Amino acid sequence: MKIVIIGGTGLIGTKVAGKLRQLGHSVIAGSPSTGLNSITGEGLAEAMNGTDIVIDLSNSPSFEDGPVLEFFENSGRNLMAAETNAGVKHHLAVSIVGVDRMQDLGYMRAKLAQENLIRQSELPYTIIRSTQFLEFIPALVGAATKDNEVHVSDVEFQPISAEDVASFVTELALSAPANGIVEIAGPQRHSLSEFFAAYLREKDSTKQVITNNKSEYFGGPVPHDGLVPQGNAKLGATDLQQWLSTQ
């Protein structure tokens, strides 16, 4: 099958492209740098010609409220139009677990807008809502560090590895469209502060984790259980210790 990956040169896209090619599929790993731009529309019509599946892994270069909403709305509209014209059989996009429960955050509002455009289209689709990635933990720890103290919320956290995300994306893209949401998560659920403490025991034991009682993520308010699945989810195989052993 011919498969186009929007955001195909990023962290997840590169892994998905490799997995699909190993399975014998024809893959276009699209990004603005390769002449495929979902914002301007450059290269979309040509790329969609004869395409069976589109996997949308695109991300906004800006996380500011206005630009990120504009990005996902423009990209979504352009993709839906090009795919509809080409008769694409399956549109799959990666979103975020709890996106509809964290609408105080501009990025989450933008991702929900992206989801709504997909649902409102007539395309067969699958929306994968993923928990946060294990790969985010170093940056989160860095942002929360002041001197030797790391101040962090105790919100629930169930991070998944990028490798496991790529495996689920590959599996679900090649499956029949769900025409709904599939949630994926990591195998361990603890508080965000516990994940930070476990990470620092391995990477920098001089730092002390200070747990606060703020329900927040990236400085914005979230429900205490907003970052974790509320029901059944497909669970990845890689836990924090296994992931750390590969870093």
Protein backbone atom coordinates (compact mmCIF):
# COMPACT_ATOMS: atom_id res chain seq x y z
CA MET A 1 0.00 0.00 0.00
CA LYS A 2 1.00 3.60 -0.46
CA ILE A 3 1.18 5.46 2.85
CA VAL A 4 1.90 9.15 3.43
CA ILE A 5 3.20 10.24 6.82
CA ILE A 6 2.74 13.94 7.60
CA GLY A 7 5.53 14.77 10.03
CA GLY A 8 7.37 11.74 8.75
CA THR A 9 10.84 12.99 9.65
CA GLY A 10 10.13 13.55 13.36
CA LEU A 11 10.68 11.32 16.40
CA ILE A 12 7.66 9.08 15.84
CA GLY A 13 7.43 9.51 12.07
CA THR A 14 10.93 8.22 11.43
CA LYS A 15 10.22 5.08 13.45
CA VAL A 16 6.84 4.48 11.80
CA ALA A 17 8.29 4.95 8.31
CA GLY A 18 10.97 2.38 9.04
CA LYS A 19 8.48 -0.17 10.37
CA LEU A 20 6.14 0.25 7.41
CA ARG A 21 8.94 -0.06 4.87
CA GLN A 22 10.12 -3.25 6.55
CA LEU A 23 6.62 -4.60 5.98
CA GLY A 24 6.92 -3.82 2.26
CA HIS A 25 4.78 -0.70 1.99
CA SER A 26 5.54 2.34 -0.14
CA VAL A 27 6.05 5.25 2.26
CA ILE A 28 6.35 8.99 1.73
CA ALA A 29 7.83 10.56 4.87
CA GLY A 30 6.55 14.08 4.35
CA SER A 31 7.64 17.33 5.96
CA PRO A 32 8.17 20.90 4.75
CA SER A 33 11.86 20.07 4.30
CA THR A 34 10.94 17.31 1.84
CA GLY A 35 8.49 19.48 -0.12
CA LEU A 36 5.29 18.32 1.57
CA ASN A 37 3.65 21.10 3.56
CA SER A 38 0.20 20.70 5.10
CA ILE A 39 0.02 24.43 5.96
CA THR A 40 0.74 25.88 2.52
CA GLY A 41 -0.61 22.87 0.67
CA GLU A 42 2.67 22.42 -1.20
CA GLY A 43 2.97 18.91 -2.62
CA LEU A 44 -0.25 17.61 -1.03
CA ALA A 45 -2.27 16.84 -4.17
CA GLU A 46 0.63 15.02 -5.81
CA ALA A 47 1.48 13.04 -2.67
CA MET A 48 -2.12 11.95 -2.10
CA ASN A 49 -2.53 10.57 -5.62
CA GLY A 50 -3.02 6.83 -5.21
CA THR A 51 -2.50 6.96 -1.45
CA ASP A 52 -4.32 4.41 0.70
CA ILE A 53 -3.45 5.65 4.21
CA VAL A 54 -2.42 9.01 5.65
CA ILE A 55 -0.79 9.16 9.08
CA ASP A 56 -0.78 12.65 10.59
CA LEU A 57 2.04 13.14 13.09
CA SER A 58 2.49 16.85 12.40
CA ASN A 59 3.22 19.30 15.19
CA SER A 60 3.16 23.05 15.45
CA PRO A 61 6.49 24.92 15.59
CA SER A 62 4.90 27.27 18.15
CA PHE A 63 3.05 26.29 21.33
CA GLU A 64 1.55 29.77 21.82
CA ASP A 65 -2.25 29.71 21.95
CA GLY A 66 -3.01 31.57 18.71
CA PRO A 67 -0.33 30.11 16.42
CA VAL A 68 -0.84 26.51 17.58
CA LEU A 69 -4.60 26.67 16.97
CA GLU A 70 -4.03 28.23 13.56
CA PHE A 71 -1.52 25.51 12.70
CA PHE A 72 -3.77 22.54 13.50
CA GLU A 73 -6.87 24.11 11.93
CA ASN A 74 -5.12 25.05 8.69
CA SER A 75 -3.23 21.77 8.47
CA GLY A 76 -6.36 19.76 9.21
CA ARG A 77 -8.50 21.53 6.64
CA ASN A 78 -5.85 21.16 3.92
CA LEU A 79 -5.32 17.49 4.68
CA MET A 80 -9.03 16.66 4.80
CA ALA A 81 -9.62 18.36 1.45
CA ALA A 82 -6.65 16.74 -0.30
CA GLU A 83 -7.45 13.29 1.09
CA THR A 84 -11.14 13.53 0.19
CA ASN A 85 -10.27 14.54 -3.38
CA ALA A 86 -7.84 11.62 -3.68
CA GLY A 87 -10.14 9.02 -2.11
CA VAL A 88 -7.81 8.12 0.76
CA LYS A 89 -9.16 5.07 2.59
CA HIS A 90 -7.88 5.69 6.14
CA HIS A 91 -6.76 8.81 7.98
CA LEU A 92 -4.95 8.23 11.27
CA ALA A 93 -3.84 11.00 13.62
CA VAL A 94 -2.06 10.95 16.95
CA SER A 95 -3.65 13.10 19.66
CA ILE A 96 -3.36 13.22 23.45
CA VAL A 97 -5.02 11.31 26.27
CA GLY A 98 -7.22 13.71 28.24
CA VAL A 99 -7.21 16.38 25.54
CA ASP A 100 -10.93 17.05 26.04
CA ARG A 101 -10.44 17.39 29.82
CA MET A 102 -7.57 19.90 29.65
CA GLN A 103 -9.13 22.74 27.69
CA ASP A 104 -7.52 25.39 29.90
CA LEU A 105 -4.33 24.72 27.92
CA GLY A 106 -4.07 26.31 24.48
CA TYR A 107 -2.24 23.33 22.98
CA MET A 108 -5.00 20.98 24.09
CA ARG A 109 -7.67 23.25 22.59
CA ALA A 110 -5.77 23.13 19.30
CA LYS A 111 -5.48 19.34 19.35
CA LEU A 112 -9.19 18.98 20.07
CA ALA A 113 -9.90 21.28 17.11
CA GLN A 114 -7.77 18.96 14.98
CA GLU A 115 -9.77 15.96 16.20
CA ASN A 116 -13.06 17.69 15.43
CA LEU A 117 -12.02 18.41 11.85
CA ILE A 118 -11.27 14.72 11.38
CA ARG A 119 -14.58 13.65 12.89
CA GLN A 120 -16.51 16.14 10.76
CA SER A 121 -14.90 14.91 7.54
CA GLU A 122 -16.33 11.97 5.60
CA LEU A 123 -13.03 10.11 5.71
CA PRO A 124 -12.67 6.76 7.49
CA TYR A 125 -10.43 7.56 10.44
CA THR A 126 -8.67 6.49 13.60
CA ILE A 127 -7.67 8.94 16.33
CA ILE A 128 -4.98 7.58 18.63
CA ARG A 129 -4.89 9.40 21.95
CA SER A 130 -1.50 8.80 23.54
CA THR A 131 -0.25 9.57 27.02
CA GLN A 132 2.86 11.73 27.37
CA PHE A 133 6.14 10.24 26.15
CA LEU A 134 8.95 8.93 28.37
CA GLU A 135 11.20 11.00 26.15
CA PHE A 136 9.64 14.17 27.63
CA ILE A 137 10.84 13.46 31.17
CA PRO A 138 14.37 14.96 30.90
CA ALA A 139 13.00 18.27 29.58
CA LEU A 140 10.23 18.32 32.19
CA VAL A 141 12.77 17.76 34.96
CA GLY A 142 14.99 20.49 33.57
CA ALA A 143 12.14 22.99 33.40
CA ALA A 144 11.14 22.23 37.02
CA THR A 145 14.67 22.52 38.45
CA LYS A 146 15.88 25.45 40.50
CA ASP A 147 19.32 24.99 42.02
CA ASN A 148 19.21 21.45 43.45
CA GLU A 149 15.46 21.30 43.92
CA VAL A 150 12.94 19.95 41.44
CA HIS A 151 9.43 21.23 42.15
CA VAL A 152 6.76 19.04 40.60
CA SER A 153 3.09 18.17 40.80
CA ASP A 154 1.81 14.80 41.99
CA VAL A 155 -0.68 14.45 39.12
CA GLU A 156 -1.09 10.93 37.79
CA PHE A 157 1.28 10.02 34.97
CA GLN A 158 1.51 6.99 32.67
CA PRO A 159 4.19 7.75 30.07
CA ILE A 160 4.81 5.64 26.97
CA SER A 161 8.00 5.22 24.96
CA ALA A 162 8.27 6.64 21.44
CA GLU A 163 9.11 3.14 20.20
CA ASP A 164 5.86 1.75 21.62
CA VAL A 165 3.89 4.67 20.14
CA ALA A 166 5.40 3.93 16.73
CA SER A 167 4.47 0.25 17.03
CA PHE A 168 0.85 1.10 17.88
CA VAL A 169 0.64 3.67 15.07
CA THR A 170 1.93 1.10 12.59
CA GLU A 171 -0.49 -1.57 13.82
CA LEU A 172 -3.55 0.67 13.85
CA ALA A 173 -2.77 2.35 10.52
CA LEU A 174 -2.82 -1.06 8.85
CA SER A 175 -6.02 -2.09 10.65
CA ALA A 176 -9.56 -1.19 9.68
CA PRO A 177 -10.45 2.42 10.57
CA ALA A 178 -11.87 2.63 14.10
CA ASN A 179 -13.99 5.68 13.21
CA GLY A 180 -13.37 6.65 16.79
CA ILE A 181 -10.70 6.96 19.46
CA VAL A 182 -8.12 4.39 20.58
CA GLU A 183 -6.09 5.22 23.67
CA ILE A 184 -2.51 4.07 24.28
CA ALA A 185 -0.37 4.41 27.41
CA GLY A 186 2.73 3.14 29.15
CA PRO A 187 2.72 0.09 31.46
CA GLN A 188 3.29 2.03 34.71
CA ARG A 189 0.99 4.54 36.41
CA HIS A 190 2.45 6.62 39.25
CA SER A 191 2.52 10.28 40.18
CA LEU A 192 4.58 12.64 38.06
CA SER A 193 6.76 13.32 41.13
CA GLU A 194 7.47 9.60 41.52
CA PHE A 195 8.60 9.37 37.91
CA PHE A 196 10.86 12.38 38.44
CA ALA A 197 12.36 10.81 41.57
CA ALA A 198 13.02 7.51 39.79
CA TYR A 199 14.59 9.31 36.85
CA LEU A 200 16.86 11.40 39.09
CA ARG A 201 17.99 8.38 41.10
CA GLU A 202 19.53 7.15 37.86
CA LYS A 203 20.67 10.44 36.35
CA ASP A 204 21.39 12.97 39.10
CA SER A 205 21.02 11.89 42.71
CA THR A 206 22.17 15.32 43.96
CA LYS A 207 18.78 16.82 43.13
CA GLN A 208 15.83 16.65 45.52
CA VAL A 209 12.25 16.29 44.31
CA ILE A 210 9.83 18.63 46.08
CA THR A 211 6.23 17.53 45.56
CA ASN A 212 3.60 20.26 45.53
CA ASN A 213 -0.15 19.88 45.62
CA LYS A 214 -0.78 21.75 42.38
CA SER A 215 -2.62 19.85 39.67
CA GLU A 216 -0.66 21.22 36.75
CA TYR A 217 1.39 20.19 33.73
CA PHE A 218 3.79 22.47 31.85
CA GLY A 219 2.63 25.25 34.15
CA GLY A 220 -1.04 24.93 33.27
CA PRO A 221 -3.93 23.53 35.33
CA VAL A 222 -5.06 19.97 34.60
CA PRO A 223 -7.33 17.49 36.40
CA HIS A 224 -5.37 15.27 38.81
CA ASP A 225 -6.08 12.31 36.53
CA GLY A 226 -6.18 14.31 33.29
CA LEU A 227 -3.00 12.84 31.81
CA VAL A 228 -3.98 9.17 32.17
CA PRO A 229 -6.63 7.01 30.46
CA GLN A 230 -10.06 6.94 32.08
CA GLY A 231 -10.97 3.54 30.64
CA ASN A 232 -9.36 0.75 28.66
CA ALA A 233 -6.13 1.53 26.83
CA LYS A 234 -3.57 -0.40 24.84
CA LEU A 235 -0.44 -0.60 27.01
CA GLY A 236 3.11 -0.40 25.72
CA ALA A 237 5.80 -2.80 26.88
CA THR A 238 8.56 -0.36 27.86
CA ASP A 239 8.71 0.86 31.46
CA LEU A 240 10.89 3.65 32.83
CA GLN A 241 13.80 1.42 33.84
CA GLN A 242 13.88 -0.32 30.47
CA TRP A 243 13.78 3.03 28.71
CA LEU A 244 16.54 4.47 30.89
CA SER A 245 18.75 1.48 30.09
CA THR A 246 18.67 2.49 26.41
CA GLN A 247 19.56 6.15 26.98
